[in-house]
Every structure is written in C-alpha cells, then in structure tokens.
Amino acid sequence: MKRVTLLGLAVFLAGCGGSGPRDADRVVVMRSAPVAFGPISKACLQSGRDGRTRELCGCIQAAADKTLTSSQQRRAVSFYSDPHRAQEIRQSKRSADEEFWDAYVRYGKLAEQLCT
C-alpha cells in the first residue's frame, strides 16, 4: 500500500510542472551547452577575439566534433589566423573544397544553435 501511495504522489507531483511561465519574475534556467576541447577550441581561445570564453570555445568545438572530421577541423583552424583562406575555399570549384565547405556550413549552423 505504501508503494502505491508513493507512486501516486510521484505521478501527481510530476504533473505539477505547469505549462509555462506565469509571471515576469520567474527565473528560467537554460540548458547548458555541450563543451569539448580540441583544435578549434584551442584556436578560439588563442584568437584574441572579443567575447571568447572557455565555455563558448568549448561549445564551438563540440559542434565541430559532431560535423567535421579531424582533418576538416585542422583545416578550419587555419581560418582563425587567415580569414581570407575561408573565402578562397568557399569560392573554389574543386570538389574537395566544395565538400569541405558544405560540412563547414553545417558546422556553423550547429554551433549557432548550440552555443547562442
């Protein structure tokens, strides 16, 4: 009987979450973004760009880990020191460059979703 009562109480409390904020003073806790360490996070941290943090650079690395191979990540690292290189690759007609650029665009979109 105790088990049934506790189970019923747990089910009841689980349903008490509500449907959303009811007033302006309510605090909403955002989910934490994934964080990883690798060549992109290292380049990001060393870049000297405004707004970089360990969390942001780690999140960007996590997005890279999901979308770019290790060789593509090494290639993308070069953009931190030579942004014009990205433009050259984007405009290239070589199939390898086009394939890389497609992956790089997917990476950028995922990083934006996860890290902002």
PDB file of N, CA and C in Angstrom:
ATOM      1  N   MET A   1       0.816  -1.196   0.000  1.00  0.00           N
ATOM      2  CA  MET A   1       0.000   0.000   0.000  1.00  0.00           C
ATOM      3  C   MET A   1       0.859   1.259   0.000  1.00  0.00           C
ATOM      4  N   LYS A   2       1.971   1.213   0.777  1.00  0.00           N
ATOM      5  CA  LYS A   2       2.867   2.356   0.829  1.00  0.00           C
ATOM      6  C   LYS A   2       3.441   2.660  -0.556  1.00  0.00           C
ATOM      7  N   ARG A   3       3.796   1.581  -1.279  1.00  0.00           N
ATOM      8  CA  ARG A   3       4.356   1.765  -2.619  1.00  0.00           C
ATOM      9  C   ARG A   3       3.357   2.438  -3.552  1.00  0.00           C
ATOM     10  N   VAL A   4       2.115   2.023  -3.519  1.00  0.00           N
ATOM     11  CA  VAL A   4       1.081   2.589  -4.377  1.00  0.00           C
ATOM     12  C   VAL A   4       0.885   4.057  -4.046  1.00  0.00           C
ATOM     13  N   THR A   5       0.888   4.406  -2.750  1.00  0.00           N
ATOM     14  CA  THR A   5       0.708   5.790  -2.331  1.00  0.00           C
ATOM     15  C   THR A   5       1.880   6.644  -2.805  1.00  0.00           C
ATOM     16  N   LEU A   6       3.112   6.150  -2.633  1.00  0.00           N
ATOM     17  CA  LEU A   6       4.286   6.911  -3.067  1.00  0.00           C
ATOM     18  C   LEU A   6       4.316   7.062  -4.586  1.00  0.00           C
ATOM     19  N   LEU A   7       3.950   6.001  -5.295  1.00  0.00           N
ATOM     20  CA  LEU A   7       3.898   6.074  -6.753  1.00  0.00           C
ATOM     21  C   LEU A   7       2.854   7.092  -7.202  1.00  0.00           C
ATOM     22  N   GLY A   8       1.695   7.068  -6.568  1.00  0.00           N
ATOM     23  CA  GLY A   8       0.641   8.035  -6.898  1.00  0.00           C
ATOM     24  C   GLY A   8       1.081   9.458  -6.624  1.00  0.00           C
ATOM     25  N   LEU A   9       1.765   9.669  -5.512  1.00  0.00           N
ATOM     26  CA  LEU A   9       2.263  11.000  -5.167  1.00  0.00           C
ATOM     27  C   LEU A   9       3.306  11.458  -6.194  1.00  0.00           C
ATOM     28  N   ALA A  10       4.192  10.554  -6.599  1.00  0.00           N
ATOM     29  CA  ALA A  10       5.212  10.898  -7.591  1.00  0.00           C
ATOM     30  C   ALA A  10       4.583  11.278  -8.922  1.00  0.00           C
ATOM     31  N   VAL A  11       3.565  10.531  -9.350  1.00  0.00           N
ATOM     32  CA  VAL A  11       2.880  10.840 -10.603  1.00  0.00           C
ATOM     33  C   VAL A  11       2.171  12.180 -10.505  1.00  0.00           C
ATOM     34  N   PHE A  12       1.541  12.442  -9.367  1.00  0.00           N
ATOM     35  CA  PHE A  12       0.842  13.707  -9.171  1.00  0.00           C
ATOM     36  C   PHE A  12       1.825  14.878  -9.224  1.00  0.00           C
ATOM     37  N   LEU A  13       2.954  14.763  -8.509  1.00  0.00           N
ATOM     38  CA  LEU A  13       3.930  15.855  -8.484  1.00  0.00           C
ATOM     39  C   LEU A  13       4.578  16.069  -9.843  1.00  0.00           C
ATOM     40  N   ALA A  14       4.754  15.004 -10.586  1.00  0.00           N
ATOM     41  CA  ALA A  14       5.345  15.135 -11.917  1.00  0.00           C
ATOM     42  C   ALA A  14       4.468  15.961 -12.831  1.00  0.00           C
ATOM     43  N   GLY A  15       3.178  15.919 -12.618  1.00  0.00           N
ATOM     44  CA  GLY A  15       2.247  16.677 -13.442  1.00  0.00           C
ATOM     45  C   GLY A  15       2.082  18.112 -13.018  1.00  0.00           C
ATOM     46  N   CYS A  16       2.772  18.525 -11.970  1.00  0.00           N
ATOM     47  CA  CYS A  16       2.612  19.884 -11.443  1.00  0.00           C
ATOM     48  C   CYS A  16       3.588  20.877 -12.048  1.00  0.00           C
ATOM     49  N   GLY A  17       4.234  20.520 -13.107  1.00  0.00           N
ATOM     50  CA  GLY A  17       5.228  21.406 -13.698  1.00  0.00           C
ATOM     51  C   GLY A  17       4.627  22.639 -14.339  1.00  0.00           C
ATOM     52  N   GLY A  18       3.367  22.629 -14.651  1.00  0.00           N
ATOM     53  CA  GLY A  18       2.750  23.781 -15.278  1.00  0.00           C
ATOM     54  C   GLY A  18       2.997  23.805 -16.762  1.00  0.00           C
ATOM     55  N   SER A  19       2.449  24.809 -17.409  1.00  0.00           N
ATOM     56  CA  SER A  19       2.565  24.881 -18.858  1.00  0.00           C
ATOM     57  C   SER A  19       3.491  25.984 -19.327  1.00  0.00           C
ATOM     58  N   GLY A  20       4.068  26.724 -18.409  1.00  0.00           N
ATOM     59  CA  GLY A  20       4.981  27.777 -18.822  1.00  0.00           C
ATOM     60  C   GLY A  20       5.041  28.866 -17.775  1.00  0.00           C
ATOM     61  N   PRO A  21       5.811  29.910 -18.021  1.00  0.00           N
ATOM     62  CA  PRO A  21       5.940  30.996 -17.065  1.00  0.00           C
ATOM     63  C   PRO A  21       4.596  31.674 -16.809  1.00  0.00           C
ATOM     64  N   ARG A  22       4.351  31.973 -15.557  1.00  0.00           N
ATOM     65  CA  ARG A  22       3.090  32.625 -15.196  1.00  0.00           C
ATOM     66  C   ARG A  22       3.278  34.095 -14.836  1.00  0.00           C
ATOM     67  N   ASP A  23       4.525  34.495 -14.538  1.00  0.00           N
ATOM     68  CA  ASP A  23       4.743  35.903 -14.231  1.00  0.00           C
ATOM     69  C   ASP A  23       6.146  36.317 -14.663  1.00  0.00           C
ATOM     70  N   ALA A  24       6.372  37.608 -14.679  1.00  0.00           N
ATOM     71  CA  ALA A  24       7.630  38.143 -15.191  1.00  0.00           C
ATOM     72  C   ALA A  24       8.803  37.882 -14.257  1.00  0.00           C
ATOM     73  N   ASP A  25       8.557  37.557 -12.988  1.00  0.00           N
ATOM     74  CA  ASP A  25       9.632  37.348 -12.037  1.00  0.00           C
ATOM     75  C   ASP A  25      10.176  35.923 -12.049  1.00  0.00           C
ATOM     76  N   ARG A  26       9.582  35.073 -12.823  1.00  0.00           N
ATOM     77  CA  ARG A  26      10.008  33.679 -12.853  1.00  0.00           C
ATOM     78  C   ARG A  26      11.379  33.563 -13.514  1.00  0.00           C
ATOM     79  N   VAL A  27      12.230  32.769 -12.936  1.00  0.00           N
ATOM     80  CA  VAL A  27      13.568  32.558 -13.474  1.00  0.00           C
ATOM     81  C   VAL A  27      13.534  31.314 -14.351  1.00  0.00           C
ATOM     82  N   VAL A  28      14.048  31.438 -15.561  1.00  0.00           N
ATOM     83  CA  VAL A  28      14.106  30.315 -16.477  1.00  0.00           C
ATOM     84  C   VAL A  28      15.559  29.863 -16.552  1.00  0.00           C
ATOM     85  N   VAL A  29      15.809  28.611 -16.273  1.00  0.00           N
ATOM     86  CA  VAL A  29      17.160  28.071 -16.338  1.00  0.00           C
ATOM     87  C   VAL A  29      17.359  27.444 -17.704  1.00  0.00           C
ATOM     88  N   MET A  30      18.346  27.934 -18.420  1.00  0.00           N
ATOM     89  CA  MET A  30      18.634  27.421 -19.757  1.00  0.00           C
ATOM     90  C   MET A  30      19.444  26.129 -19.633  1.00  0.00           C
ATOM     91  N   ARG A  31      19.259  25.251 -20.599  1.00  0.00           N
ATOM     92  CA  ARG A  31      20.068  24.040 -20.614  1.00  0.00           C
ATOM     93  C   ARG A  31      21.514  24.439 -20.892  1.00  0.00           C
ATOM     94  N   SER A  32      22.417  23.689 -20.340  1.00  0.00           N
ATOM     95  CA  SER A  32      23.812  24.026 -20.583  1.00  0.00           C
ATOM     96  C   SER A  32      24.237  23.477 -21.942  1.00  0.00           C
ATOM     97  N   ALA A  33      25.097  24.208 -22.585  1.00  0.00           N
ATOM     98  CA  ALA A  33      25.584  23.811 -23.898  1.00  0.00           C
ATOM     99  C   ALA A  33      26.680  22.767 -23.720  1.00  0.00           C
ATOM    100  N   PRO A  34      26.859  21.904 -24.703  1.00  0.00           N
ATOM    101  CA  PRO A  34      27.936  20.918 -24.618  1.00  0.00           C
ATOM    102  C   PRO A  34      29.289  21.617 -24.693  1.00  0.00           C
ATOM    103  N   VAL A  35      30.290  21.014 -24.080  1.00  0.00           N
ATOM    104  CA  VAL A  35      31.628  21.587 -24.085  1.00  0.00           C
ATOM    105  C   VAL A  35      32.628  20.481 -24.410  1.00  0.00           C
ATOM    106  N   ALA A  36      33.570  20.784 -25.290  1.00  0.00           N
ATOM    107  CA  ALA A  36      34.613  19.838 -25.658  1.00  0.00           C
ATOM    108  C   ALA A  36      35.919  20.597 -25.819  1.00  0.00           C
ATOM    109  N   PHE A  37      37.017  19.872 -25.858  1.00  0.00           N
ATOM    110  CA  PHE A  37      38.314  20.504 -26.088  1.00  0.00           C
ATOM    111  C   PHE A  37      38.973  19.852 -27.293  1.00  0.00           C
ATOM    112  N   GLY A  38      39.537  20.665 -28.158  1.00  0.00           N
ATOM    113  CA  GLY A  38      40.194  20.166 -29.353  1.00  0.00           C
ATOM    114  C   GLY A  38      40.840  21.306 -30.105  1.00  0.00           C
ATOM    115  N   PRO A  39      41.195  21.086 -31.355  1.00  0.00           N
ATOM    116  CA  PRO A  39      41.940  22.101 -32.108  1.00  0.00           C
ATOM    117  C   PRO A  39      41.157  23.397 -32.328  1.00  0.00           C
ATOM    118  N   ILE A  40      39.866  23.301 -32.520  1.00  0.00           N
ATOM    119  CA  ILE A  40      39.078  24.518 -32.760  1.00  0.00           C
ATOM    120  C   ILE A  40      38.918  25.306 -31.466  1.00  0.00           C
ATOM    121  N   SER A  41      38.642  24.635 -30.358  1.00  0.00           N
ATOM    122  CA  SER A  41      38.509  25.364 -29.095  1.00  0.00           C
ATOM    123  C   SER A  41      39.833  26.026 -28.715  1.00  0.00           C
ATOM    124  N   LYS A  42      40.931  25.343 -28.976  1.00  0.00           N
ATOM    125  CA  LYS A  42      42.245  25.916 -28.680  1.00  0.00           C
ATOM    126  C   LYS A  42      42.499  27.158 -29.533  1.00  0.00           C
ATOM    127  N   ALA A  43      42.214  27.076 -30.825  1.00  0.00           N
ATOM    128  CA  ALA A  43      42.396  28.227 -31.713  1.00  0.00           C
ATOM    129  C   ALA A  43      41.470  29.366 -31.308  1.00  0.00           C
ATOM    130  N   CYS A  44      40.255  29.025 -30.929  1.00  0.00           N
ATOM    131  CA  CYS A  44      39.285  30.031 -30.490  1.00  0.00           C
ATOM    132  C   CYS A  44      39.802  30.772 -29.258  1.00  0.00           C
ATOM    133  N   LEU A  45      40.287  30.024 -28.275  1.00  0.00           N
ATOM    134  CA  LEU A  45      40.787  30.652 -27.045  1.00  0.00           C
ATOM    135  C   LEU A  45      42.009  31.523 -27.297  1.00  0.00           C
ATOM    136  N   GLN A  46      42.842  31.148 -28.253  1.00  0.00           N
ATOM    137  CA  GLN A  46      44.066  31.887 -28.552  1.00  0.00           C
ATOM    138  C   GLN A  46      43.854  33.009 -29.560  1.00  0.00           C
ATOM    139  N   SER A  47      42.628  33.149 -30.049  1.00  0.00           N
ATOM    140  CA  SER A  47      42.379  34.075 -31.157  1.00  0.00           C
ATOM    141  C   SER A  47      42.440  35.545 -30.766  1.00  0.00           C
ATOM    142  N   GLY A  48      42.208  35.871 -29.528  1.00  0.00           N
ATOM    143  CA  GLY A  48      42.192  37.268 -29.123  1.00  0.00           C
ATOM    144  C   GLY A  48      40.903  37.986 -29.470  1.00  0.00           C
ATOM    145  N   ARG A  49      39.914  37.255 -29.967  1.00  0.00           N
ATOM    146  CA  ARG A  49      38.637  37.875 -30.330  1.00  0.00           C
ATOM    147  C   ARG A  49      37.829  38.215 -29.087  1.00  0.00           C
ATOM    148  N   ASP A  50      37.071  39.308 -29.155  1.00  0.00           N
ATOM    149  CA  ASP A  50      36.194  39.698 -28.050  1.00  0.00           C
ATOM    150  C   ASP A  50      35.126  38.645 -27.828  1.00  0.00           C
ATOM    151  N   GLY A  51      34.733  38.437 -26.594  1.00  0.00           N
ATOM    152  CA  GLY A  51      33.625  37.553 -26.276  1.00  0.00           C
ATOM    153  C   GLY A  51      33.998  36.094 -26.150  1.00  0.00           C
ATOM    154  N   ARG A  52      35.238  35.747 -26.403  1.00  0.00           N
ATOM    155  CA  ARG A  52      35.604  34.337 -26.307  1.00  0.00           C
ATOM    156  C   ARG A  52      35.699  33.932 -24.838  1.00  0.00           C
ATOM    157  N   THR A  53      35.170  32.788 -24.540  1.00  0.00           N
ATOM    158  CA  THR A  53      35.256  32.209 -23.204  1.00  0.00           C
ATOM    159  C   THR A  53      35.553  30.724 -23.366  1.00  0.00           C
ATOM    160  N   ARG A  54      35.960  30.107 -22.299  1.00  0.00           N
ATOM    161  CA  ARG A  54      36.219  28.668 -22.332  1.00  0.00           C
ATOM    162  C   ARG A  54      34.944  27.913 -22.693  1.00  0.00           C
ATOM    163  N   GLU A  55      33.806  28.387 -22.162  1.00  0.00           N
ATOM    164  CA  GLU A  55      32.530  27.722 -22.446  1.00  0.00           C
ATOM    165  C   GLU A  55      32.132  27.873 -23.914  1.00  0.00           C
ATOM    166  N   LEU A  56      32.246  29.084 -24.441  1.00  0.00           N
ATOM    167  CA  LEU A  56      31.875  29.316 -25.837  1.00  0.00           C
ATOM    168  C   LEU A  56      32.786  28.536 -26.780  1.00  0.00           C
ATOM    169  N   CYS A  57      34.089  28.626 -26.563  1.00  0.00           N
ATOM    170  CA  CYS A  57      35.029  27.921 -27.440  1.00  0.00           C
ATOM    171  C   CYS A  57      34.846  26.413 -27.325  1.00  0.00           C
ATOM    172  N   GLY A  58      34.542  25.931 -26.125  1.00  0.00           N
ATOM    173  CA  GLY A  58      34.278  24.503 -25.940  1.00  0.00           C
ATOM    174  C   GLY A  58      33.004  24.065 -26.622  1.00  0.00           C
ATOM    175  N   CYS A  59      32.012  24.915 -26.625  1.00  0.00           N
ATOM    176  CA  CYS A  59      30.754  24.611 -27.305  1.00  0.00           C
ATOM    177  C   CYS A  59      30.970  24.561 -28.818  1.00  0.00           C
ATOM    178  N   ILE A  60      31.741  25.498 -29.319  1.00  0.00           N
ATOM    179  CA  ILE A  60      32.047  25.517 -30.746  1.00  0.00           C
ATOM    180  C   ILE A  60      32.792  24.240 -31.134  1.00  0.00           C
ATOM    181  N   GLN A  61      33.697  23.796 -30.268  1.00  0.00           N
ATOM    182  CA  GLN A  61      34.422  22.544 -30.520  1.00  0.00           C
ATOM    183  C   GLN A  61      33.464  21.359 -30.531  1.00  0.00           C
ATOM    184  N   ALA A  62      32.501  21.348 -29.609  1.00  0.00           N
ATOM    185  CA  ALA A  62      31.527  20.249 -29.574  1.00  0.00           C
ATOM    186  C   ALA A  62      30.738  20.183 -30.879  1.00  0.00           C
ATOM    187  N   ALA A  63      30.384  21.343 -31.426  1.00  0.00           N
ATOM    188  CA  ALA A  63      29.689  21.372 -32.719  1.00  0.00           C
ATOM    189  C   ALA A  63      30.602  20.840 -33.819  1.00  0.00           C
ATOM    190  N   ALA A  64      31.863  21.205 -33.768  1.00  0.00           N
ATOM    191  CA  ALA A  64      32.818  20.718 -34.765  1.00  0.00           C
ATOM    192  C   ALA A  64      32.968  19.201 -34.671  1.00  0.00           C
ATOM    193  N   ASP A  65      32.996  18.680 -33.455  1.00  0.00           N
ATOM    194  CA  ASP A  65      33.131  17.232 -33.270  1.00  0.00           C
ATOM    195  C   ASP A  65      31.957  16.471 -33.884  1.00  0.00           C
ATOM    196  N   LYS A  66      30.795  17.106 -33.929  1.00  0.00           N
ATOM    197  CA  LYS A  66      29.608  16.453 -34.483  1.00  0.00           C
ATOM    198  C   LYS A  66      29.519  16.564 -36.001  1.00  0.00           C
ATOM    199  N   THR A  67      30.222  17.533 -36.600  1.00  0.00           N
ATOM    200  CA  THR A  67      30.021  17.800 -38.026  1.00  0.00           C
ATOM    201  C   THR A  67      31.276  17.726 -38.889  1.00  0.00           C
ATOM    202  N   LEU A  68      32.449  17.872 -38.304  1.00  0.00           N
ATOM    203  CA  LEU A  68      33.685  17.915 -39.081  1.00  0.00           C
ATOM    204  C   LEU A  68      34.607  16.758 -38.705  1.00  0.00           C
ATOM    205  N   THR A  69      35.284  16.207 -39.702  1.00  0.00           N
ATOM    206  CA  THR A  69      36.310  15.202 -39.421  1.00  0.00           C
ATOM    207  C   THR A  69      37.509  15.903 -38.784  1.00  0.00           C
ATOM    208  N   SER A  70      38.449  15.124 -38.272  1.00  0.00           N
ATOM    209  CA  SER A  70      39.620  15.737 -37.650  1.00  0.00           C
ATOM    210  C   SER A  70      40.446  16.530 -38.671  1.00  0.00           C
ATOM    211  N   SER A  71      40.551  16.045 -39.892  1.00  0.00           N
ATOM    212  CA  SER A  71      41.302  16.805 -40.905  1.00  0.00           C
ATOM    213  C   SER A  71      40.551  18.085 -41.289  1.00  0.00           C
ATOM    214  N   GLN A  72      39.218  18.024 -41.336  1.00  0.00           N
ATOM    215  CA  GLN A  72      38.434  19.236 -41.615  1.00  0.00           C
ATOM    216  C   GLN A  72      38.584  20.241 -40.471  1.00  0.00           C
ATOM    217  N   GLN A  73      38.648  19.755 -39.248  1.00  0.00           N
ATOM    218  CA  GLN A  73      38.851  20.656 -38.115  1.00  0.00           C
ATOM    219  C   GLN A  73      40.207  21.352 -38.213  1.00  0.00           C
ATOM    220  N   ARG A  74      41.236  20.604 -38.567  1.00  0.00           N
ATOM    221  CA  ARG A  74      42.565  21.219 -38.720  1.00  0.00           C
ATOM    222  C   ARG A  74      42.541  22.291 -39.813  1.00  0.00           C
ATOM    223  N   ARG A  75      41.811  22.024 -40.863  1.00  0.00           N
ATOM    224  CA  ARG A  75      41.690  22.998 -41.950  1.00  0.00           C
ATOM    225  C   ARG A  75      40.946  24.243 -41.477  1.00  0.00           C
ATOM    226  N   ALA A  76      39.888  24.041 -40.714  1.00  0.00           N
ATOM    227  CA  ALA A  76      39.094  25.167 -40.207  1.00  0.00           C
ATOM    228  C   ALA A  76      39.891  26.021 -39.218  1.00  0.00           C
ATOM    229  N   VAL A  77      40.806  25.411 -38.483  1.00  0.00           N
ATOM    230  CA  VAL A  77      41.644  26.157 -37.542  1.00  0.00           C
ATOM    231  C   VAL A  77      42.429  27.243 -38.270  1.00  0.00           C
ATOM    232  N   SER A  78      42.832  26.968 -39.498  1.00  0.00           N
ATOM    233  CA  SER A  78      43.618  27.952 -40.251  1.00  0.00           C
ATOM    234  C   SER A  78      42.852  29.248 -40.479  1.00  0.00           C
ATOM    235  N   PHE A  79      41.536  29.199 -40.432  1.00  0.00           N
ATOM    236  CA  PHE A  79      40.730  30.405 -40.654  1.00  0.00           C
ATOM    237  C   PHE A  79      40.915  31.432 -39.539  1.00  0.00           C
ATOM    238  N   TYR A  80      41.279  30.971 -38.337  1.00  0.00           N
ATOM    239  CA  TYR A  80      41.481  31.909 -37.232  1.00  0.00           C
ATOM    240  C   TYR A  80      42.655  32.832 -37.499  1.00  0.00           C
ATOM    241  N   SER A  81      43.704  32.327 -38.126  1.00  0.00           N
ATOM    242  CA  SER A  81      44.868  33.160 -38.416  1.00  0.00           C
ATOM    243  C   SER A  81      44.825  33.771 -39.811  1.00  0.00           C
ATOM    244  N   ASP A  82      44.016  33.183 -40.698  1.00  0.00           N
ATOM    245  CA  ASP A  82      43.936  33.672 -42.077  1.00  0.00           C
ATOM    246  C   ASP A  82      42.482  33.607 -42.566  1.00  0.00           C
ATOM    247  N   PRO A  83      41.633  34.571 -42.143  1.00  0.00           N
ATOM    248  CA  PRO A  83      40.221  34.537 -42.525  1.00  0.00           C
ATOM    249  C   PRO A  83      39.999  34.552 -44.039  1.00  0.00           C
ATOM    250  N   HIS A  84      40.918  35.143 -44.772  1.00  0.00           N
ATOM    251  CA  HIS A  84      40.769  35.184 -46.236  1.00  0.00           C
ATOM    252  C   HIS A  84      40.823  33.782 -46.838  1.00  0.00           C
ATOM    253  N   ARG A  85      41.488  32.868 -46.164  1.00  0.00           N
ATOM    254  CA  ARG A  85      41.576  31.481 -46.647  1.00  0.00           C
ATOM    255  C   ARG A  85      40.180  30.871 -46.750  1.00  0.00           C
ATOM    256  N   ALA A  86      39.306  31.208 -45.806  1.00  0.00           N
ATOM    257  CA  ALA A  86      37.930  30.702 -45.850  1.00  0.00           C
ATOM    258  C   ALA A  86      37.237  31.172 -47.126  1.00  0.00           C
ATOM    259  N   GLN A  87      37.434  32.414 -47.482  1.00  0.00           N
ATOM    260  CA  GLN A  87      36.834  32.962 -48.701  1.00  0.00           C
ATOM    261  C   GLN A  87      37.355  32.252 -49.940  1.00  0.00           C
ATOM    262  N   GLU A  88      38.640  31.972 -49.968  1.00  0.00           N
ATOM    263  CA  GLU A  88      39.225  31.269 -51.101  1.00  0.00           C
ATOM    264  C   GLU A  88      38.624  29.872 -51.259  1.00  0.00           C
ATOM    265  N   ILE A  89      38.466  29.174 -50.142  1.00  0.00           N
ATOM    266  CA  ILE A  89      37.902  27.822 -50.194  1.00  0.00           C
ATOM    267  C   ILE A  89      36.434  27.874 -50.592  1.00  0.00           C
ATOM    268  N   ARG A  90      35.708  28.849 -50.061  1.00  0.00           N
ATOM    269  CA  ARG A  90      34.284  28.983 -50.395  1.00  0.00           C
ATOM    270  C   ARG A  90      34.091  29.194 -51.887  1.00  0.00           C
ATOM    271  N   GLN A  91      34.964  29.944 -52.510  1.00  0.00           N
ATOM    272  CA  GLN A  91      34.831  30.256 -53.932  1.00  0.00           C
ATOM    273  C   GLN A  91      35.470  29.212 -54.850  1.00  0.00           C
ATOM    274  N   SER A  92      36.196  28.273 -54.286  1.00  0.00           N
ATOM    275  CA  SER A  92      36.886  27.259 -55.085  1.00  0.00           C
ATOM    276  C   SER A  92      35.891  26.346 -55.795  1.00  0.00           C
ATOM    277  N   LYS A  93      36.281  25.883 -56.941  1.00  0.00           N
ATOM    278  CA  LYS A  93      35.459  24.948 -57.718  1.00  0.00           C
ATOM    279  C   LYS A  93      35.930  23.502 -57.545  1.00  0.00           C
ATOM    280  N   ARG A  94      36.990  23.280 -56.768  1.00  0.00           N
ATOM    281  CA  ARG A  94      37.471  21.921 -56.525  1.00  0.00           C
ATOM    282  C   ARG A  94      36.443  21.159 -55.704  1.00  0.00           C
ATOM    283  N   SER A  95      36.174  19.921 -56.072  1.00  0.00           N
ATOM    284  CA  SER A  95      35.152  19.129 -55.374  1.00  0.00           C
ATOM    285  C   SER A  95      35.514  18.917 -53.905  1.00  0.00           C
ATOM    286  N   ALA A  96      36.787  18.739 -53.593  1.00  0.00           N
ATOM    287  CA  ALA A  96      37.202  18.566 -52.198  1.00  0.00           C
ATOM    288  C   ALA A  96      36.910  19.824 -51.380  1.00  0.00           C
ATOM    289  N   ASP A  97      37.137  20.993 -51.991  1.00  0.00           N
ATOM    290  CA  ASP A  97      36.845  22.249 -51.303  1.00  0.00           C
ATOM    291  C   ASP A  97      35.339  22.442 -51.127  1.00  0.00           C
ATOM    292  N   GLU A  98      34.573  22.075 -52.142  1.00  0.00           N
ATOM    293  CA  GLU A  98      33.116  22.187 -52.045  1.00  0.00           C
ATOM    294  C   GLU A  98      32.570  21.267 -50.963  1.00  0.00           C
ATOM    295  N   GLU A  99      33.094  20.059 -50.881  1.00  0.00           N
ATOM    296  CA  GLU A  99      32.673  19.110 -49.851  1.00  0.00           C
ATOM    297  C   GLU A  99      33.019  19.645 -48.457  1.00  0.00           C
ATOM    298  N   PHE A 100      34.243  20.179 -48.326  1.00  0.00           N
ATOM    299  CA  PHE A 100      34.639  20.771 -47.049  1.00  0.00           C
ATOM    300  C   PHE A 100      33.719  21.931 -46.698  1.00  0.00           C
ATOM    301  N   TRP A 101      33.447  22.795 -47.666  1.00  0.00           N
ATOM    302  CA  TRP A 101      32.641  23.982 -47.377  1.00  0.00           C
ATOM    303  C   TRP A 101      31.225  23.593 -46.944  1.00  0.00           C
ATOM    304  N   ASP A 102      30.639  22.581 -47.555  1.00  0.00           N
ATOM    305  CA  ASP A 102      29.309  22.107 -47.136  1.00  0.00           C
ATOM    306  C   ASP A 102      29.338  21.659 -45.678  1.00  0.00           C
ATOM    307  N   ALA A 103      30.358  20.908 -45.312  1.00  0.00           N
ATOM    308  CA  ALA A 103      30.496  20.457 -43.920  1.00  0.00           C
ATOM    309  C   ALA A 103      30.718  21.648 -42.995  1.00  0.00           C
ATOM    310  N   TYR A 104      31.503  22.619 -43.442  1.00  0.00           N
ATOM    311  CA  TYR A 104      31.798  23.799 -42.635  1.00  0.00           C
ATOM    312  C   TYR A 104      30.530  24.621 -42.387  1.00  0.00           C
ATOM    313  N   VAL A 105      29.681  24.728 -43.380  1.00  0.00           N
ATOM    314  CA  VAL A 105      28.411  25.453 -43.231  1.00  0.00           C
ATOM    315  C   VAL A 105      27.510  24.725 -42.222  1.00  0.00           C
ATOM    316  N   ARG A 106      27.441  23.393 -42.330  1.00  0.00           N
ATOM    317  CA  ARG A 106      26.655  22.614 -41.352  1.00  0.00           C
ATOM    318  C   ARG A 106      27.199  22.823 -39.942  1.00  0.00           C
ATOM    319  N   TYR A 107      28.508  22.830 -39.822  1.00  0.00           N
ATOM    320  CA  TYR A 107      29.151  23.084 -38.528  1.00  0.00           C
ATOM    321  C   TYR A 107      28.767  24.456 -37.988  1.00  0.00           C
ATOM    322  N   GLY A 108      28.822  25.469 -38.826  1.00  0.00           N
ATOM    323  CA  GLY A 108      28.475  26.822 -38.385  1.00  0.00           C
ATOM    324  C   GLY A 108      27.037  26.929 -37.915  1.00  0.00           C
ATOM    325  N   LYS A 109      26.135  26.283 -38.633  1.00  0.00           N
ATOM    326  CA  LYS A 109      24.718  26.315 -38.239  1.00  0.00           C
ATOM    327  C   LYS A 109      24.501  25.595 -36.917  1.00  0.00           C
ATOM    328  N   LEU A 110      25.158  24.442 -36.735  1.00  0.00           N
ATOM    329  CA  LEU A 110      25.012  23.719 -35.470  1.00  0.00           C
ATOM    330  C   LEU A 110      25.615  24.497 -34.316  1.00  0.00           C
ATOM    331  N   ALA A 111      26.786  25.101 -34.539  1.00  0.00           N
ATOM    332  CA  ALA A 111      27.414  25.901 -33.490  1.00  0.00           C
ATOM    333  C   ALA A 111      26.517  27.063 -33.088  1.00  0.00           C
ATOM    334  N   GLU A 112      25.874  27.673 -34.050  1.00  0.00           N
ATOM    335  CA  GLU A 112      24.960  28.770 -33.740  1.00  0.00           C
ATOM    336  C   GLU A 112      23.779  28.278 -32.908  1.00  0.00           C
ATOM    337  N   GLN A 113      23.237  27.134 -33.255  1.00  0.00           N
ATOM    338  CA  GLN A 113      22.103  26.582 -32.492  1.00  0.00           C
ATOM    339  C   GLN A 113      22.510  26.212 -31.073  1.00  0.00           C
ATOM    340  N   LEU A 114      23.657  25.559 -30.931  1.00  0.00           N
ATOM    341  CA  LEU A 114      24.065  25.060 -29.626  1.00  0.00           C
ATOM    342  C   LEU A 114      24.642  26.127 -28.708  1.00  0.00           C
ATOM    343  N   CYS A 115      25.283  27.115 -29.274  1.00  0.00           N
ATOM    344  CA  CYS A 115      26.149  27.998 -28.480  1.00  0.00           C
ATOM    345  C   CYS A 115      25.621  29.414 -28.277  1.00  0.00           C
ATOM    346  N   THR A 116      24.475  29.742 -28.833  1.00  0.00           N
ATOM    347  CA  THR A 116      23.945  31.098 -28.627  1.00  0.00           C
ATOM    348  C   THR A 116      22.737  31.077 -27.739  1.00  0.00           C
TER     349      THR A 116
END
